[in-house]
Amino acid sequence: MADKHSPLSQFEIKTLVPIRLGETDISFTNSALVMVIAVVLVVLFLTIGSRRPALVPGRLQSMAELAYEFVGNLIRDTVGNEGRRYFPIIFTVFMFVLFGNLLGMVPYSFTFTSHIIVTFAMALVVFIAVTILGFVKHGMHFFSFFVPPGVSKVMWPLLIPIEILSYLSRPISLSVRLFANMLAGHTLLKVFAGFVPALGVAGVLPLAFVSALTGLEIVIAFLQAYVFAILTCLYINDALHLH
């Protein structure tokens, strides 16, 4: 168990409701609680924002429409009109990651996107779903994706394994990118915040830096949700159109 004053203590998973299924621990934790809160907030945000649509939208309706159009444009630009059917899953992923990142900015909350097991689980689901989509769309022809176009057959024994390794590493790179950014940012915030009370009057400087870093972390929260969503779109585009 990490020291409560350690910058890493904020990432400690704590059991709230102990539950065991045989030898398996399926306890309800602080991480699970924040995930539930994120889902509830997304549902409330979209429900309230679209409940009474007006010609001149209010703040919530404007924000809901902005999120909807943002993801819609993202799909159209990366996948094309064929990707419209996958809007629900991409929009869900984007909103879940975004609200998870933003909830982590609330004092005494928990950032579940800073745990590799969570981000890897999401990335693995995306990877498996996209791979299944590729086989459903193209059948065994999907394996041609690992053959670089316009390359001599002499180079195939060298390039095909590289292409396969690159494809298999997708869930790792997708999950590590989100996990590492959130972990590093929150750790840095905690470190500099610890200097504020310790330095007394001189703590004004680290306090100013913490304020600026907090703003940067909020921007990164949006950016990482965008990156996760756009990479999901690009993987879907690869599955649909191969090369």
Protein backbone atom coordinates (compact mmCIF):
# COMPACT_ATOMS: atom_id res chain seq x y z
CA MET A 1 0.00 0.00 0.00
CA ALA A 2 1.40 3.38 -1.04
CA ASP A 3 2.07 6.15 1.49
CA LYS A 4 -0.89 8.57 1.51
CA HIS A 5 1.53 11.45 0.86
CA SER A 6 3.12 9.70 -2.11
CA PRO A 7 2.25 11.02 -5.60
CA LEU A 8 1.31 7.44 -6.49
CA SER A 9 -1.21 7.04 -3.66
CA GLN A 10 -3.90 8.63 -5.85
CA PHE A 11 -3.78 5.59 -8.15
CA GLU A 12 -4.35 3.03 -5.40
CA ILE A 13 -7.41 0.84 -5.97
CA LYS A 14 -9.47 0.52 -2.81
CA THR A 15 -12.20 -2.00 -2.12
CA LEU A 16 -15.55 -0.39 -1.31
CA VAL A 17 -17.81 -3.46 -1.32
CA PRO A 18 -15.96 -6.78 -0.89
CA ILE A 19 -17.40 -9.47 -3.18
CA ARG A 20 -15.92 -12.91 -3.80
CA LEU A 21 -17.06 -15.48 -6.32
CA GLY A 22 -15.31 -18.64 -5.19
CA GLU A 23 -11.61 -17.86 -5.35
CA THR A 24 -12.19 -14.83 -7.59
CA ASP A 25 -12.24 -11.35 -6.10
CA ILE A 26 -14.85 -9.25 -7.92
CA SER A 27 -15.13 -6.54 -5.27
CA PHE A 28 -16.66 -3.18 -6.10
CA THR A 29 -13.79 -0.69 -5.98
CA ASN A 30 -13.25 3.04 -6.22
CA SER A 31 -12.25 2.49 -9.84
CA ALA A 32 -15.55 0.74 -10.59
CA LEU A 33 -17.46 3.49 -8.78
CA VAL A 34 -15.94 6.24 -10.91
CA MET A 35 -16.64 4.21 -14.07
CA VAL A 36 -20.29 3.96 -13.05
CA ILE A 37 -20.36 7.68 -12.32
CA ALA A 38 -18.82 8.39 -15.74
CA VAL A 39 -21.50 6.31 -17.49
CA VAL A 40 -24.29 7.96 -15.49
CA LEU A 41 -22.96 11.44 -16.24
CA VAL A 42 -22.68 10.70 -19.96
CA VAL A 43 -26.26 9.39 -20.05
CA LEU A 44 -27.56 12.39 -18.08
CA PHE A 45 -25.59 14.84 -20.21
CA LEU A 46 -26.92 13.46 -23.48
CA THR A 47 -30.46 12.87 -22.17
CA ILE A 48 -30.90 16.34 -20.70
CA GLY A 49 -29.09 17.96 -23.62
CA SER A 50 -31.41 16.39 -26.21
CA ARG A 51 -34.64 16.14 -24.20
CA ARG A 52 -36.12 19.43 -25.37
CA PRO A 53 -34.41 20.40 -28.63
CA ALA A 54 -34.80 24.07 -29.44
CA LEU A 55 -34.09 26.11 -32.54
CA VAL A 56 -31.87 28.30 -30.39
CA PRO A 57 -30.08 25.67 -28.27
CA GLY A 58 -29.18 26.16 -24.64
CA ARG A 59 -25.77 25.36 -23.19
CA LEU A 60 -26.31 21.64 -22.62
CA GLN A 61 -27.96 21.15 -25.99
CA SER A 62 -25.12 23.04 -27.69
CA MET A 63 -22.51 20.91 -25.92
CA ALA A 64 -24.36 17.67 -26.75
CA GLU A 65 -24.72 18.67 -30.39
CA LEU A 66 -21.08 19.73 -30.51
CA ALA A 67 -19.95 16.33 -29.20
CA TYR A 68 -22.26 14.55 -31.67
CA GLU A 69 -21.06 16.59 -34.65
CA PHE A 70 -17.42 16.31 -33.58
CA VAL A 71 -17.47 12.52 -33.58
CA GLY A 72 -19.62 12.44 -36.73
CA ASN A 73 -17.13 14.63 -38.61
CA LEU A 74 -14.27 12.54 -37.25
CA ILE A 75 -15.80 9.37 -38.66
CA ARG A 76 -16.62 10.97 -42.00
CA ASP A 77 -13.08 12.32 -42.42
CA THR A 78 -11.32 9.07 -41.48
CA VAL A 79 -13.67 6.26 -42.57
CA GLY A 80 -16.10 7.92 -44.96
CA ASN A 81 -19.86 7.48 -45.21
CA GLU A 82 -19.44 3.73 -44.76
CA GLY A 83 -18.32 4.38 -41.19
CA ARG A 84 -21.61 5.99 -40.12
CA ARG A 85 -22.96 2.65 -38.91
CA TYR A 86 -20.11 2.48 -36.38
CA PHE A 87 -20.95 5.88 -34.89
CA PRO A 88 -22.52 4.45 -31.69
CA ILE A 89 -19.45 2.50 -30.61
CA ILE A 90 -16.99 5.28 -31.47
CA PHE A 91 -19.14 7.92 -29.78
CA THR A 92 -19.46 5.70 -26.70
CA VAL A 93 -15.71 5.16 -26.50
CA PHE A 94 -14.99 8.86 -26.94
CA MET A 95 -17.46 10.01 -24.28
CA PHE A 96 -16.44 7.30 -21.79
CA VAL A 97 -12.75 8.12 -22.07
CA LEU A 98 -13.42 11.88 -22.01
CA PHE A 99 -15.59 11.79 -18.90
CA GLY A 100 -13.18 9.35 -17.23
CA ASN A 101 -10.31 11.75 -17.87
CA LEU A 102 -12.26 14.78 -16.68
CA LEU A 103 -13.54 13.05 -13.54
CA GLY A 104 -9.93 12.35 -12.65
CA MET A 105 -9.39 16.12 -12.44
CA VAL A 106 -11.92 16.42 -9.61
CA PRO A 107 -10.16 16.57 -6.21
CA TYR A 108 -10.31 13.30 -4.24
CA SER A 109 -11.69 11.49 -7.29
CA PHE A 110 -10.05 8.57 -9.11
CA THR A 111 -8.65 8.44 -12.64
CA PHE A 112 -9.47 4.98 -13.97
CA THR A 113 -7.86 5.82 -17.33
CA SER A 114 -4.51 6.00 -15.51
CA HIS A 115 -4.58 2.22 -15.00
CA ILE A 116 -3.13 0.10 -17.79
CA ILE A 117 -5.56 -2.76 -17.12
CA VAL A 118 -8.51 -0.47 -17.90
CA THR A 119 -7.05 1.14 -21.00
CA PHE A 120 -5.75 -2.21 -22.27
CA ALA A 121 -9.17 -3.82 -21.79
CA MET A 122 -10.77 -1.06 -23.87
CA ALA A 123 -8.05 -1.24 -26.52
CA LEU A 124 -8.30 -5.04 -26.67
CA VAL A 125 -12.08 -4.88 -27.21
CA VAL A 126 -11.54 -2.41 -30.05
CA PHE A 127 -8.78 -4.57 -31.54
CA ILE A 128 -10.82 -7.79 -31.44
CA ALA A 129 -13.95 -6.08 -32.79
CA VAL A 130 -12.02 -4.50 -35.68
CA THR A 131 -10.31 -7.79 -36.52
CA ILE A 132 -13.66 -9.62 -36.58
CA LEU A 133 -15.04 -6.83 -38.77
CA GLY A 134 -12.16 -7.31 -41.20
CA PHE A 135 -12.78 -11.05 -41.50
CA VAL A 136 -16.55 -10.57 -41.86
CA LYS A 137 -16.02 -7.96 -44.57
CA HIS A 138 -13.24 -9.66 -46.55
CA GLY A 139 -13.00 -13.26 -45.39
CA MET A 140 -9.57 -14.79 -45.84
CA HIS A 141 -8.66 -11.90 -48.14
CA PHE A 142 -8.18 -9.90 -44.93
CA PHE A 143 -4.71 -11.46 -44.67
CA SER A 144 -3.70 -9.40 -47.71
CA PHE A 145 -3.61 -6.47 -45.28
CA PHE A 146 -0.25 -7.77 -44.08
CA VAL A 147 1.23 -7.66 -47.58
CA PRO A 148 2.52 -4.14 -48.36
CA PRO A 149 1.23 -3.05 -51.80
CA GLY A 150 3.73 -2.60 -54.58
CA VAL A 151 6.47 -4.56 -52.80
CA SER A 152 8.41 -7.30 -54.53
CA LYS A 153 7.60 -10.85 -53.42
CA VAL A 154 11.25 -11.26 -52.53
CA MET A 155 10.71 -8.83 -49.65
CA TRP A 156 7.58 -10.56 -48.33
CA PRO A 157 9.38 -12.86 -45.84
CA LEU A 158 10.90 -9.79 -44.22
CA LEU A 159 7.99 -7.34 -44.36
CA ILE A 160 5.02 -9.60 -43.60
CA PRO A 161 6.24 -10.51 -40.07
CA ILE A 162 6.88 -6.81 -39.42
CA GLU A 163 3.35 -5.96 -40.57
CA ILE A 164 1.89 -8.68 -38.36
CA LEU A 165 3.85 -7.52 -35.31
CA SER A 166 2.80 -3.95 -36.02
CA TYR A 167 -0.84 -5.02 -36.18
CA LEU A 168 -0.65 -7.08 -32.99
CA SER A 169 0.96 -4.19 -31.14
CA ARG A 170 -2.04 -1.93 -31.75
CA PRO A 171 -3.84 -2.64 -28.47
CA ILE A 172 -0.57 -2.12 -26.59
CA SER A 173 0.22 1.24 -28.19
CA LEU A 174 -3.40 2.39 -27.93
CA SER A 175 -3.64 1.54 -24.24
CA VAL A 176 -0.17 2.70 -23.19
CA ARG A 177 -0.62 6.08 -24.87
CA LEU A 178 -3.71 6.90 -22.80
CA PHE A 179 -2.46 5.29 -19.57
CA ALA A 180 0.99 6.92 -19.69
CA ASN A 181 -0.30 10.42 -20.39
CA MET A 182 -2.86 10.35 -17.59
CA LEU A 183 -0.47 8.72 -15.12
CA ALA A 184 2.38 11.12 -15.82
CA GLY A 185 0.20 14.23 -15.77
CA HIS A 186 -1.52 13.42 -12.48
CA THR A 187 1.74 12.39 -10.84
CA LEU A 188 3.36 15.67 -11.86
CA LEU A 189 0.38 17.61 -10.50
CA LYS A 190 0.62 15.81 -7.17
CA VAL A 191 4.37 16.43 -6.92
CA PHE A 192 4.14 20.18 -7.53
CA ALA A 193 1.02 20.49 -5.34
CA GLY A 194 3.05 19.00 -2.48
CA PHE A 195 5.50 21.92 -2.69
CA VAL A 196 2.79 24.54 -2.12
CA PRO A 197 2.19 24.02 1.66
CA ALA A 198 5.79 23.00 2.28
CA LEU A 199 7.24 26.27 0.95
CA GLY A 200 4.81 28.61 2.73
CA VAL A 201 4.83 32.08 1.14
CA ALA A 202 7.30 30.92 -1.47
CA GLY A 203 4.72 28.33 -2.50
CA VAL A 204 3.04 30.93 -4.72
CA LEU A 205 5.30 29.94 -7.62
CA PRO A 206 4.51 26.18 -7.54
CA LEU A 207 0.83 27.10 -6.99
CA ALA A 208 0.85 29.13 -10.20
CA PHE A 209 2.55 26.25 -11.97
CA VAL A 210 -0.04 23.80 -10.62
CA SER A 211 -2.84 26.04 -11.90
CA ALA A 212 -1.27 26.19 -15.36
CA LEU A 213 -0.60 22.46 -15.32
CA THR A 214 -4.22 21.80 -14.34
CA GLY A 215 -5.39 23.70 -17.41
CA LEU A 216 -2.96 21.72 -19.52
CA GLU A 217 -4.22 18.45 -18.03
CA ILE A 218 -7.80 19.37 -18.94
CA VAL A 219 -6.68 19.97 -22.53
CA ILE A 220 -4.84 16.63 -22.49
CA ALA A 221 -8.01 14.94 -21.18
CA PHE A 222 -9.85 16.06 -24.32
CA LEU A 223 -6.85 15.33 -26.55
CA GLN A 224 -6.41 11.76 -25.31
CA ALA A 225 -10.12 11.02 -25.78
CA TYR A 226 -9.79 12.38 -29.32
CA VAL A 227 -6.67 10.30 -30.02
CA PHE A 228 -8.34 7.12 -28.73
CA ALA A 229 -11.38 7.79 -30.91
CA ILE A 230 -9.50 8.72 -34.06
CA LEU A 231 -7.22 5.68 -33.82
CA THR A 232 -10.33 3.51 -33.43
CA CYS A 233 -11.68 5.15 -36.61
CA LEU A 234 -8.42 4.50 -38.46
CA TYR A 235 -8.44 0.84 -37.40
CA ILE A 236 -12.03 0.50 -38.64
CA ASN A 237 -11.01 2.16 -41.92
CA ASP A 238 -8.17 -0.37 -42.30
CA ALA A 239 -10.57 -3.26 -41.65
CA LEU A 240 -13.08 -1.98 -44.20
CA HIS A 241 -10.73 -0.89 -46.96
CA LEU A 242 -7.50 -2.80 -46.19
CA HIS A 243 -4.82 -0.88 -48.05
